[in-house]
C-alpha atoms as a PDB file:
ATOM      1  CA  MET A   1    -240.931-145.390-109.138  1.00  0.00           C
ATOM      2  CA  GLU A   2    -242.892-141.951-110.076  1.00  0.00           C
ATOM      3  CA  ALA A   3    -245.932-142.478-109.829  1.00  0.00           C
ATOM      4  CA  ALA A   4    -246.948-141.019-112.808  1.00  0.00           C
ATOM      5  CA  SER A   5    -244.130-142.499-115.252  1.00  0.00           C
ATOM      6  CA  LEU A   6    -245.270-146.594-113.422  1.00  0.00           C
ATOM      7  CA  PRO A   7    -246.494-147.972-115.701  1.00  0.00           C
ATOM      8  CA  ALA A   8    -243.061-147.802-117.596  1.00  0.00           C
ATOM      9  CA  ALA A   9    -240.857-148.048-115.693  1.00  0.00           C
ATOM     10  CA  LEU A  10    -242.894-151.426-113.997  1.00  0.00           C
ATOM     11  CA  GLU A  11    -241.652-152.512-117.678  1.00  0.00           C
ATOM     12  CA  LEU A  12    -238.342-152.190-117.931  1.00  0.00           C
ATOM     13  CA  ALA A  13    -237.834-153.125-114.304  1.00  0.00           C
ATOM     14  CA  ALA A  14    -239.682-156.562-114.737  1.00  0.00           C
ATOM     15  CA  GLY A  15    -236.918-158.965-116.090  1.00  0.00           C
ATOM     16  CA  GLY A  16    -236.412-160.705-112.137  1.00  0.00           C
ATOM     17  CA  GLY A  17    -240.925-162.389-112.767  1.00  0.00           C
ATOM     18  CA  ALA A  18    -242.446-159.543-110.389  1.00  0.00           C
ATOM     19  CA  GLY A  19    -245.391-157.419-111.474  1.00  0.00           C
ATOM     20  CA  LEU A  20    -248.371-156.112-111.727  1.00  0.00           C
ATOM     21  CA  SER A  21    -251.819-157.231-113.530  1.00  0.00           C
ATOM     22  CA  PRO A  22    -253.126-155.101-116.087  1.00  0.00           C
ATOM     23  CA  GLU A  23    -256.102-154.399-114.042  1.00  0.00           C
ATOM     24  CA  LYS A  24    -253.301-153.424-110.926  1.00  0.00           C
ATOM     25  CA  ARG A  25    -251.355-150.975-112.979  1.00  0.00           C
ATOM     26  CA  ALA A  26    -254.913-148.767-114.418  1.00  0.00           C
ATOM     27  CA  VAL A  27    -256.188-148.964-110.448  1.00  0.00           C
ATOM     28  CA  LEU A  28    -252.738-147.536-109.417  1.00  0.00           C
ATOM     29  CA  GLY A  29    -252.099-144.951-112.268  1.00  0.00           C
ATOM     30  CA  ALA A  30    -255.673-144.074-110.921  1.00  0.00           C
ATOM     31  CA  SER A  31    -255.328-143.996-107.205  1.00  0.00           C
ATOM     32  CA  LEU A  32    -251.858-142.373-106.701  1.00  0.00           C
ATOM     33  CA  LEU A  33    -251.991-139.171-108.549  1.00  0.00           C
ATOM     34  CA  LEU A  34    -255.432-139.176-105.980  1.00  0.00           C
ATOM     35  CA  LEU A  35    -253.965-139.475-103.341  1.00  0.00           C
ATOM     36  CA  GLN A  36    -250.917-136.960-104.287  1.00  0.00           C
ATOM     37  CA  ARG A  37    -252.904-134.830-104.606  1.00  0.00           C
ATOM     38  CA  ASP A  38    -255.811-135.482-100.950  1.00  0.00           C
ATOM     39  CA  TYR A  39    -252.326-135.887 -98.792  1.00  0.00           C
ATOM     40  CA  ARG A  40    -250.172-133.013-100.808  1.00  0.00           C
ATOM     41  CA  PHE A  41    -247.626-134.581-101.851  1.00  0.00           C
ATOM     42  CA  GLU A  42    -245.047-133.010-103.698  1.00  0.00           C
ATOM     43  CA  ARG A  43    -244.676-135.631-105.196  1.00  0.00           C
ATOM     44  CA  VAL A  44    -245.153-140.001-104.716  1.00  0.00           C
ATOM     45  CA  TRP A  45    -243.570-142.869-105.802  1.00  0.00           C
ATOM     46  CA  PHE A  46    -245.302-146.310-105.410  1.00  0.00           C
ATOM     47  CA  TRP A  47    -242.748-148.198-103.570  1.00  0.00           C
ATOM     48  CA  GLY A  48    -243.718-151.878-104.075  1.00  0.00           C
ATOM     49  CA  CYS A  49    -245.812-154.803-102.893  1.00  0.00           C
ATOM     50  CA  ILE A  50    -245.249-156.676 -99.657  1.00  0.00           C
ATOM     51  CA  GLN A  51    -246.841-160.269 -99.643  1.00  0.00           C
ATOM     52  CA  GLY A  52    -248.566-161.268 -97.255  1.00  0.00           C
ATOM     53  CA  VAL A  53    -249.958-165.107 -96.219  1.00  0.00           C
ATOM     54  CA  ARG A  54    -253.387-164.262 -96.364  1.00  0.00           C
ATOM     55  CA  GLY A  55    -253.259-160.787 -98.615  1.00  0.00           C
ATOM     56  CA  SER A  56    -250.388-158.030 -99.932  1.00  0.00           C
ATOM     57  CA  TYR A  57    -249.576-154.419 -98.981  1.00  0.00           C
ATOM     58  CA  TYR A  58    -248.571-152.430-101.775  1.00  0.00           C
ATOM     59  CA  ILE A  59    -246.453-149.320-100.817  1.00  0.00           C
ATOM     60  CA  ALA A  60    -246.604-145.977-101.743  1.00  0.00           C
ATOM     61  CA  GLU A  61    -244.268-143.092-100.582  1.00  0.00           C
ATOM     62  CA  GLY A  62    -245.028-139.023-100.150  1.00  0.00           C
ATOM     63  CA  LEU A  63    -242.351-136.831-100.588  1.00  0.00           C
ATOM     64  CA  GLY A  64    -242.077-132.821-100.402  1.00  0.00           C
ATOM     65  CA  PRO A  65    -238.522-130.720-101.389  1.00  0.00           C
ATOM     66  CA  ASP A  66    -236.334-131.895 -99.201  1.00  0.00           C
ATOM     67  CA  ARG A  67    -235.737-134.949-100.528  1.00  0.00           C
ATOM     68  CA  ALA A  68    -234.092-136.580 -97.106  1.00  0.00           C
ATOM     69  CA  ALA A  69    -236.849-135.923 -94.703  1.00  0.00           C
ATOM     70  CA  PRO A  70    -238.500-138.156 -93.334  1.00  0.00           C
ATOM     71  CA  ARG A  71    -241.251-139.728 -95.526  1.00  0.00           C
ATOM     72  CA  SER A  72    -244.721-140.725 -95.181  1.00  0.00           C
ATOM     73  CA  ARG A  73    -246.120-144.135 -96.028  1.00  0.00           C
ATOM     74  CA  LEU A  74    -248.816-145.649 -97.161  1.00  0.00           C
ATOM     75  CA  TYR A  75    -250.497-148.967 -97.362  1.00  0.00           C
ATOM     76  CA  SER A  76    -253.008-150.388 -99.474  1.00  0.00           C
ATOM     77  CA  LEU A  77    -255.051-153.459 -99.772  1.00  0.00           C
ATOM     78  CA  ASN A  78    -256.750-152.786-102.546  1.00  0.00           C
ATOM     79  CA  CYS A  79    -254.145-150.028-104.353  1.00  0.00           C
ATOM     80  CA  VAL A  80    -257.761-148.305-103.873  1.00  0.00           C
ATOM     81  CA  GLU A  81    -257.895-147.078-100.106  1.00  0.00           C
ATOM     82  CA  TRP A  82    -255.192-146.274 -99.211  1.00  0.00           C
ATOM     83  CA  SER A  83    -254.686-145.420 -95.032  1.00  0.00           C
ATOM     84  CA  LEU A  84    -251.293-143.423 -93.703  1.00  0.00           C
ATOM     85  CA  LEU A  85    -248.076-145.997 -91.687  1.00  0.00           C
ATOM     86  CA  PRO A  86    -247.116-144.230 -88.671  1.00  0.00           C
ATOM     87  CA  PRO A  87    -244.005-142.889 -88.035  1.00  0.00           C
ATOM     88  CA  VAL A  88    -240.624-145.261 -87.701  1.00  0.00           C
ATOM     89  CA  THR A  89    -239.036-145.681 -85.036  1.00  0.00           C
ATOM     90  CA  GLU A  90    -236.072-147.746 -83.664  1.00  0.00           C
ATOM     91  CA  GLU A  91    -237.741-149.455 -81.267  1.00  0.00           C
ATOM     92  CA  MET A  92    -240.033-150.556 -83.438  1.00  0.00           C
ATOM     93  CA  VAL A  93    -237.134-151.333 -86.162  1.00  0.00           C
ATOM     94  CA  ALA A  94    -235.821-153.330 -83.724  1.00  0.00           C
ATOM     95  CA  GLN A  95    -238.463-155.457 -82.613  1.00  0.00           C
ATOM     96  CA  ALA A  96    -238.884-155.408 -86.225  1.00  0.00           C
ATOM     97  CA  GLU A  97    -235.841-157.869 -86.590  1.00  0.00           C
ATOM     98  CA  GLN A  98    -236.942-159.628 -83.402  1.00  0.00           C
ATOM     99  CA  LEU A  99    -239.939-161.173 -86.249  1.00  0.00           C
ATOM    100  CA  LYS A 100    -239.996-164.573 -88.329  1.00  0.00           C
ATOM    101  CA  GLY A 101    -241.852-165.676 -90.522  1.00  0.00           C
ATOM    102  CA  ARG A 102    -244.211-164.329 -93.549  1.00  0.00           C
ATOM    103  CA  PHE A 103    -246.351-161.176 -93.058  1.00  0.00           C
ATOM    104  CA  GLN A 104    -249.655-162.168 -92.331  1.00  0.00           C
ATOM    105  CA  GLY A 105    -251.478-159.976 -94.442  1.00  0.00           C
ATOM    106  CA  ASP A 106    -254.199-158.159 -92.169  1.00  0.00           C
ATOM    107  CA  PRO A 107    -252.208-154.771 -90.660  1.00  0.00           C
ATOM    108  CA  SER A 108    -254.851-155.719 -87.569  1.00  0.00           C
ATOM    109  CA  PHE A 109    -252.555-159.230 -86.935  1.00  0.00           C
ATOM    110  CA  GLU A 110    -250.998-159.070 -83.308  1.00  0.00           C
ATOM    111  CA  TYR A 111    -247.478-160.563 -82.662  1.00  0.00           C
ATOM    112  CA  GLU A 112    -246.263-162.176 -79.819  1.00  0.00           C
ATOM    113  CA  HIS A 113    -243.011-162.823 -78.299  1.00  0.00           C
ATOM    114  CA  ILE A 114    -241.036-163.871 -74.641  1.00  0.00           C
ATOM    115  CA  GLU A 115    -237.554-162.205 -73.827  1.00  0.00           C
ATOM    116  CA  ILE A 116    -236.152-164.098 -71.258  1.00  0.00           C
ATOM    117  CA  ASN A 117    -233.272-161.585 -68.969  1.00  0.00           C
ATOM    118  CA  ALA A 118    -230.370-163.693 -69.432  1.00  0.00           C
ATOM    119  CA  GLU A 119    -229.547-163.238 -65.672  1.00  0.00           C
ATOM    120  CA  ASP A 120    -231.903-163.879 -64.719  1.00  0.00           C
ATOM    121  CA  ALA A 121    -232.169-167.224 -66.274  1.00  0.00           C
ATOM    122  CA  GLU A 122    -228.077-168.198 -65.699  1.00  0.00           C
ATOM    123  CA  ARG A 123    -229.471-168.081 -62.017  1.00  0.00           C
ATOM    124  CA  LEU A 124    -232.126-170.444 -62.714  1.00  0.00           C
ATOM    125  CA  PHE A 125    -229.234-172.854 -64.021  1.00  0.00           C
ATOM    126  CA  GLU A 126    -227.643-172.335 -61.106  1.00  0.00           C
ATOM    127  CA  ASP A 127    -230.442-173.343 -59.101  1.00  0.00           C
ATOM    128  CA  GLU A 128    -231.015-176.423 -60.929  1.00  0.00           C
ATOM    129  CA  MET A 129    -228.063-177.993 -61.445  1.00  0.00           C
ATOM    130  CA  THR A 130    -228.372-177.702 -57.128  1.00  0.00           C
ATOM    131  CA  THR A 131    -231.400-178.646 -56.573  1.00  0.00           C
ATOM    132  CA  ARG A 132    -234.407-180.085 -59.384  1.00  0.00           C
ATOM    133  CA  LYS A 133    -236.763-178.388 -56.055  1.00  0.00           C
ATOM    134  CA  ALA A 134    -235.617-174.837 -58.318  1.00  0.00           C
ATOM    135  CA  LEU A 135    -238.031-176.311 -61.616  1.00  0.00           C
ATOM    136  CA  PRO A 136    -241.212-173.706 -60.264  1.00  0.00           C
ATOM    137  CA  LEU A 137    -238.863-171.198 -60.920  1.00  0.00           C
ATOM    138  CA  LYS A 138    -238.478-170.675 -64.304  1.00  0.00           C
ATOM    139  CA  PHE A 139    -241.112-168.796 -64.859  1.00  0.00           C
ATOM    140  CA  ALA A 140    -240.025-166.390 -62.957  1.00  0.00           C
ATOM    141  CA  TYR A 141    -237.963-164.523 -65.729  1.00  0.00           C
ATOM    142  CA  VAL A 142    -239.974-164.873 -69.053  1.00  0.00           C
ATOM    143  CA  SER A 143    -241.301-161.666 -69.212  1.00  0.00           C
ATOM    144  CA  LEU A 144    -244.317-161.220 -71.979  1.00  0.00           C
ATOM    145  CA  LYS A 145    -243.028-157.777 -73.927  1.00  0.00           C
ATOM    146  CA  PRO A 146    -246.221-156.286 -75.290  1.00  0.00           C
ATOM    147  CA  THR A 147    -247.872-157.358 -78.515  1.00  0.00           C
ATOM    148  CA  ILE A 148    -246.637-156.227 -82.025  1.00  0.00           C
ATOM    149  CA  LYS A 149    -249.421-155.458 -84.537  1.00  0.00           C
ATOM    150  CA  GLU A 150    -248.401-156.051 -88.552  1.00  0.00           C
ATOM    151  CA  GLU A 151    -248.975-152.784 -89.371  1.00  0.00           C
ATOM    152  CA  ALA A 152    -245.973-151.523 -86.707  1.00  0.00           C
ATOM    153  CA  ARG A 153    -244.117-154.230 -88.569  1.00  0.00           C
ATOM    154  CA  LEU A 154    -244.595-153.070 -92.268  1.00  0.00           C
ATOM    155  CA  VAL A 155    -243.266-149.837 -90.981  1.00  0.00           C
ATOM    156  CA  ALA A 156    -240.352-151.451 -89.677  1.00  0.00           C
ATOM    157  CA  THR A 157    -239.899-153.542 -92.754  1.00  0.00           C
ATOM    158  CA  ILE A 158    -240.073-150.853 -94.789  1.00  0.00           C
ATOM    159  CA  GLU A 159    -237.076-148.158 -92.614  1.00  0.00           C
ATOM    160  CA  GLN A 160    -235.349-151.658 -93.177  1.00  0.00           C
ATOM    161  CA  ILE A 161    -235.640-152.112 -96.683  1.00  0.00           C
ATOM    162  CA  ASP A 162    -234.856-149.179 -97.617  1.00  0.00           C
ATOM    163  CA  ARG A 163    -231.747-148.316 -96.006  1.00  0.00           C
ATOM    164  CA  ALA A 164    -230.253-151.220 -96.395  1.00  0.00           C
ATOM    165  CA  VAL A 165    -231.411-151.258-100.557  1.00  0.00           C
ATOM    166  CA  GLY A 166    -232.843-149.056-101.585  1.00  0.00           C
ATOM    167  CA  ILE A 167    -230.279-146.907-103.704  1.00  0.00           C
ATOM    168  CA  ILE A 168    -230.011-144.123-106.661  1.00  0.00           C
ATOM    169  CA  PRO A 169    -227.789-142.726-109.587  1.00  0.00           C
ATOM    170  CA  ARG A 170    -224.876-140.514-108.448  1.00  0.00           C
ATOM    171  CA  GLY A 171    -225.707-137.328-109.279  1.00  0.00           C
ATOM    172  CA  ALA A 172    -228.962-137.151-108.936  1.00  0.00           C
ATOM    173  CA  PHE A 173    -230.008-135.492-105.987  1.00  0.00           C
ATOM    174  CA  VAL A 174    -228.112-132.256-104.256  1.00  0.00           C
ATOM    175  CA  LYS A 175    -227.992-131.520-101.396  1.00  0.00           C
ATOM    176  CA  THR A 176    -227.242-127.207-100.529  1.00  0.00           C
ATOM    177  CA  PRO A 177    -224.887-125.544 -97.790  1.00  0.00           C
ATOM    178  CA  LEU A 178    -228.423-125.315 -95.602  1.00  0.00           C
ATOM    179  CA  GLY A 179    -228.330-129.124 -95.927  1.00  0.00           C
ATOM    180  CA  SER A 180    -231.840-130.238 -97.418  1.00  0.00           C
ATOM    181  CA  VAL A 181    -231.316-132.368-100.516  1.00  0.00           C
ATOM    182  CA  HIS A 182    -233.290-131.584-103.940  1.00  0.00           C
ATOM    183  CA  GLU A 183    -233.503-133.429-107.255  1.00  0.00           C
ATOM    184  CA  ASN A 184    -230.863-132.322-109.627  1.00  0.00           C
ATOM    185  CA  ARG A 185    -231.981-130.611-112.542  1.00  0.00           C
ATOM    186  CA  ASN A 186    -228.551-131.360-114.451  1.00  0.00           C
ATOM    187  CA  PHE A 187    -228.784-134.625-113.736  1.00  0.00           C
ATOM    188  CA  GLU A 188    -228.729-136.655-117.022  1.00  0.00           C
ATOM    189  CA  GLY A 189    -228.150-140.748-116.493  1.00  0.00           C
ATOM    190  CA  LEU A 190    -225.151-142.311-116.041  1.00  0.00           C
ATOM    191  CA  SER A 191    -223.493-143.390-119.327  1.00  0.00           C
ATOM    192  CA  LEU A 192    -223.055-147.075-120.420  1.00  0.00           C
ATOM    193  CA  THR A 193    -220.188-147.250-119.088  1.00  0.00           C
ATOM    194  CA  GLU A 194    -220.542-145.889-115.358  1.00  0.00           C
ATOM    195  CA  ALA A 195    -223.760-147.323-114.883  1.00  0.00           C
ATOM    196  CA  LYS A 196    -222.048-150.365-115.074  1.00  0.00           C
ATOM    197  CA  LYS A 197    -219.679-149.764-111.680  1.00  0.00           C
ATOM    198  CA  LEU A 198    -221.577-150.299-108.177  1.00  0.00           C
ATOM    199  CA  SER A 199    -219.565-147.556-107.183  1.00  0.00           C
ATOM    200  CA  SER A 200    -222.030-144.898-109.284  1.00  0.00           C
ATOM    201  CA  TYR A 201    -225.117-145.363-106.977  1.00  0.00           C
ATOM    202  CA  PHE A 202    -225.354-144.549-103.154  1.00  0.00           C
ATOM    203  CA  HIS A 203    -227.667-145.567-100.732  1.00  0.00           C
ATOM    204  CA  PHE A 204    -230.290-143.157-100.078  1.00  0.00           C
ATOM    205  CA  THR A 205    -230.869-142.506 -96.317  1.00  0.00           C
ATOM    206  CA  LYS A 206    -227.838-141.169 -93.618  1.00  0.00           C
ATOM    207  CA  PRO A 207    -224.448-141.998 -94.723  1.00  0.00           C
ATOM    208  CA  PHE A 208    -222.434-144.295 -92.520  1.00  0.00           C
ATOM    209  CA  ASN A 209    -218.924-145.335 -94.391  1.00  0.00           C
ATOM    210  CA  LEU A 210    -218.317-141.281 -95.837  1.00  0.00           C
ATOM    211  CA  LYS A 211    -217.609-139.889 -92.546  1.00  0.00           C
ATOM    212  CA  ASN A 212    -214.759-143.119 -92.158  1.00  0.00           C
ATOM    213  CA  LYS A 213    -212.855-142.043 -95.347  1.00  0.00           C
ATOM    214  CA  THR A 214    -209.481-140.143 -95.045  1.00  0.00           C
ATOM    215  CA  LEU A 215    -208.581-136.827 -95.840  1.00  0.00           C
ATOM    216  CA  LEU A 216    -206.689-137.743 -98.878  1.00  0.00           C
ATOM    217  CA  GLU A 217    -210.440-139.638-100.239  1.00  0.00           C
ATOM    218  CA  LYS A 218    -212.181-137.098 -98.982  1.00  0.00           C
ATOM    219  CA  ALA A 219    -209.923-134.639-101.477  1.00  0.00           C
ATOM    220  CA  ASP A 220    -211.700-136.177-104.881  1.00  0.00           C
ATOM    221  CA  LEU A 221    -215.213-135.899-104.050  1.00  0.00           C
ATOM    222  CA  ASP A 222    -217.512-133.411-104.633  1.00  0.00           C
ATOM    223  CA  PRO A 223    -219.636-132.209-101.582  1.00  0.00           C
ATOM    224  CA  SER A 224    -223.249-131.369-103.127  1.00  0.00           C
ATOM    225  CA  THR A 225    -223.534-134.929-104.620  1.00  0.00           C
ATOM    226  CA  ASP A 226    -220.806-136.893-103.205  1.00  0.00           C
ATOM    227  CA  PHE A 227    -222.915-136.866 -99.302  1.00  0.00           C
ATOM    228  CA  LEU A 228    -224.701-140.606 -99.167  1.00  0.00           C
ATOM    229  CA  ASP A 229    -222.663-143.891 -99.490  1.00  0.00           C
ATOM    230  CA  SER A 230    -221.565-145.800-102.811  1.00  0.00           C
ATOM    231  CA  LEU A 231    -222.523-149.183-103.092  1.00  0.00           C
ATOM    232  CA  GLU A 232    -218.722-150.075-104.026  1.00  0.00           C
ATOM    233  CA  HIS A 233    -218.139-151.017-100.383  1.00  0.00           C
ATOM    234  CA  ASP A 234    -221.764-153.456 -99.296  1.00  0.00           C
ATOM    235  CA  ILE A 235    -221.242-156.296 -96.790  1.00  0.00           C
ATOM    236  CA  PRO A 236    -220.986-159.031 -98.119  1.00  0.00           C
ATOM    237  CA  GLN A 237    -218.934-158.266-100.774  1.00  0.00           C
ATOM    238  CA  GLY A 238    -221.645-159.660-103.820  1.00  0.00           C
ATOM    239  CA  SER A 239    -224.986-158.932-102.281  1.00  0.00           C
ATOM    240  CA  TRP A 240    -226.039-157.518-105.520  1.00  0.00           C
ATOM    241  CA  THR A 241    -225.143-158.826-108.839  1.00  0.00           C
ATOM    242  CA  VAL A 242    -225.801-156.352-112.207  1.00  0.00           C
ATOM    243  CA  GLN A 243    -227.147-156.644-115.482  1.00  0.00           C
ATOM    244  CA  LEU A 244    -227.805-155.356-119.274  1.00  0.00           C
ATOM    245  CA  GLU A 245    -230.964-155.911-119.919  1.00  0.00           C
ATOM    246  CA  LYS A 246    -233.712-154.671-122.778  1.00  0.00           C
ATOM    247  CA  GLY A 247    -230.792-155.460-125.787  1.00  0.00           C
ATOM    248  CA  ASP A 248    -228.838-153.507-123.390  1.00  0.00           C
ATOM    249  CA  THR A 249    -230.599-150.386-122.943  1.00  0.00           C
ATOM    250  CA  VAL A 250    -230.836-151.083-118.998  1.00  0.00           C
ATOM    251  CA  VAL A 251    -229.184-151.195-116.364  1.00  0.00           C
ATOM    252  CA  VAL A 252    -230.704-153.628-113.709  1.00  0.00           C
ATOM    253  CA  LEU A 253    -229.572-154.068-110.104  1.00  0.00           C
ATOM    254  CA  ARG A 254    -230.816-155.817-107.605  1.00  0.00           C
ATOM    255  CA  SER A 255    -230.164-156.975-104.341  1.00  0.00           C
ATOM    256  CA  LEU A 256    -229.676-160.555-103.405  1.00  0.00           C
ATOM    257  CA  LEU A 257    -229.660-159.356 -99.209  1.00  0.00           C
ATOM    258  CA  TRP A 258    -233.490-158.581 -99.830  1.00  0.00           C
ATOM    259  CA  LEU A 259    -234.507-160.243-102.161  1.00  0.00           C
ATOM    260  CA  GLY A 260    -237.051-158.696-104.635  1.00  0.00           C
ATOM    261  CA  LEU A 261    -235.306-155.543-104.890  1.00  0.00           C
ATOM    262  CA  THR A 262    -235.190-154.289-108.379  1.00  0.00           C
ATOM    263  CA  PHE A 263    -233.870-151.096-109.646  1.00  0.00           C
ATOM    264  CA  TYR A 264    -232.883-149.966-113.425  1.00  0.00           C
ATOM    265  CA  HIS A 265    -231.965-147.099-114.895  1.00  0.00           C
ATOM    266  CA  VAL A 266    -231.579-146.755-118.415  1.00  0.00           C
ATOM    267  CA  PRO A 267    -228.304-144.571-118.997  1.00  0.00           C
ATOM    268  CA  VAL A 268    -227.805-140.842-120.280  1.00  0.00           C
ATOM    269  CA  THR A 269    -231.640-140.059-119.774  1.00  0.00           C
ATOM    270  CA  LYS A 270    -233.330-139.534-116.424  1.00  0.00           C
ATOM    271  CA  GLN A 271    -235.121-142.003-115.922  1.00  0.00           C
ATOM    272  CA  TYR A 272    -234.572-144.892-113.077  1.00  0.00           C
ATOM    273  CA  GLY A 273    -235.940-146.277-110.093  1.00  0.00           C
ATOM    274  CA  TYR A 274    -236.467-149.304-107.777  1.00  0.00           C
ATOM    275  CA  ILE A 275    -239.243-151.554-106.612  1.00  0.00           C
ATOM    276  CA  TYR A 276    -239.660-154.185-104.546  1.00  0.00           C
ATOM    277  CA  PHE A 277    -242.260-157.351-105.337  1.00  0.00           C
ATOM    278  CA  GLY A 278    -240.435-159.905-102.004  1.00  0.00           C
ATOM    279  CA  THR A 279    -242.407-161.032 -98.782  1.00  0.00           C
ATOM    280  CA  GLY A 280    -240.534-158.963 -96.850  1.00  0.00           C
ATOM    281  CA  GLU A 281    -238.040-160.927 -95.853  1.00  0.00           C
ATOM    282  CA  LYS A 282    -233.960-160.677 -95.407  1.00  0.00           C
ATOM    283  CA  ASN A 283    -231.753-163.465 -96.577  1.00  0.00           C
ATOM    284  CA  PHE A 284    -229.534-164.008 -93.648  1.00  0.00           C
ATOM    285  CA  ASP A 285    -228.714-167.318 -95.927  1.00  0.00           C
ATOM    286  CA  LEU A 286    -225.974-164.897 -97.937  1.00  0.00           C
ATOM    287  CA  PRO A 287    -222.909-164.820 -97.169  1.00  0.00           C
ATOM    288  CA  PHE A 288    -223.585-169.241 -97.571  1.00  0.00           C
ATOM    289  CA  MET A 289    -224.449-168.132-100.732  1.00  0.00           C
ATOM    290  CA  LEU A 290    -221.464-166.428-101.953  1.00  0.00           C
END
C-alpha cells in the first residue's frame, strides 16, 4: 500500500485484526518518506510485516516509472533503519521453498539442509539388501548444501507472496505499446457490483494463464488493461474470501493460501492496496480445508 496514505489504508485493512501500533504508524510515516528521498524512488509501498521468533521484519518496496520492472525491497527491524535486500533469483526461491518453520528474526541466521542424491540412495539400498557391510557407505550419498542466510529466505518469501497473491483491480494499470506498465490516470475505481467479483482483480506479476486462452476468449480483452491473469481461475478454487466491510463501503479480499494477506478497495474511488501480516509460511493444508 502507498506510504503516503498509510494510516488511512491500515484502517481499511484492519478488519482481520492485524495492524500496527500508533507508535509504529507514526515512525513508519516519517521513515518511509525519508526512504523515498534517500533512494530516489518514484513511489514507496509499505509491503507488510513478517513475524519471526525473536523479531519482526517490516518490509518496504521501492518502485520506478515502470511498475512491472523488478522492485527494490528493503527491510527494517525497528521501522527506522532500513537495509536493502539482495535481488531475488530463481535459485533463492527454490531453496526457500524447501525450508520449513518460522523465521528467526535475525538476518544473519543461517539455515542448513541436506540434499540426498536419488541414484546413490537407490544404489545404497540395493547394497544394504545384499550385505550388512554396506552400512558405512550410507554417508556417501549425503552432501551438505551451502548454508542459506535468513536474509535470502526473506526476499525469496516476499517474491513468492507477490507472485501468488499480490493483486490489483482491473484497469488500475495500463500497458503501453513499448511494454512498460504505468498507473492508469483514468482509473476511477470499480463499481460495487464489479468489485465483488474475483474476475475484477489481477495478479500483479508475469501472466501464465493468459497465453493459454483461445483467440475467441482474447477477442473480448483489452490488451492495454487485460494483460494479467485474473483471480477467478486460481488453484485451488476457494483460496480467496470476498467480504464487504465498513458498512458495505469497502471490499476486502483475503488469501487463504498465504494467511495474513489482505487486499482492500473502496468502490468508485482510487483507494486500493494490499498488505501482509503473517509468519511467511504457506498454508499447505488449504486443499484439505476447503
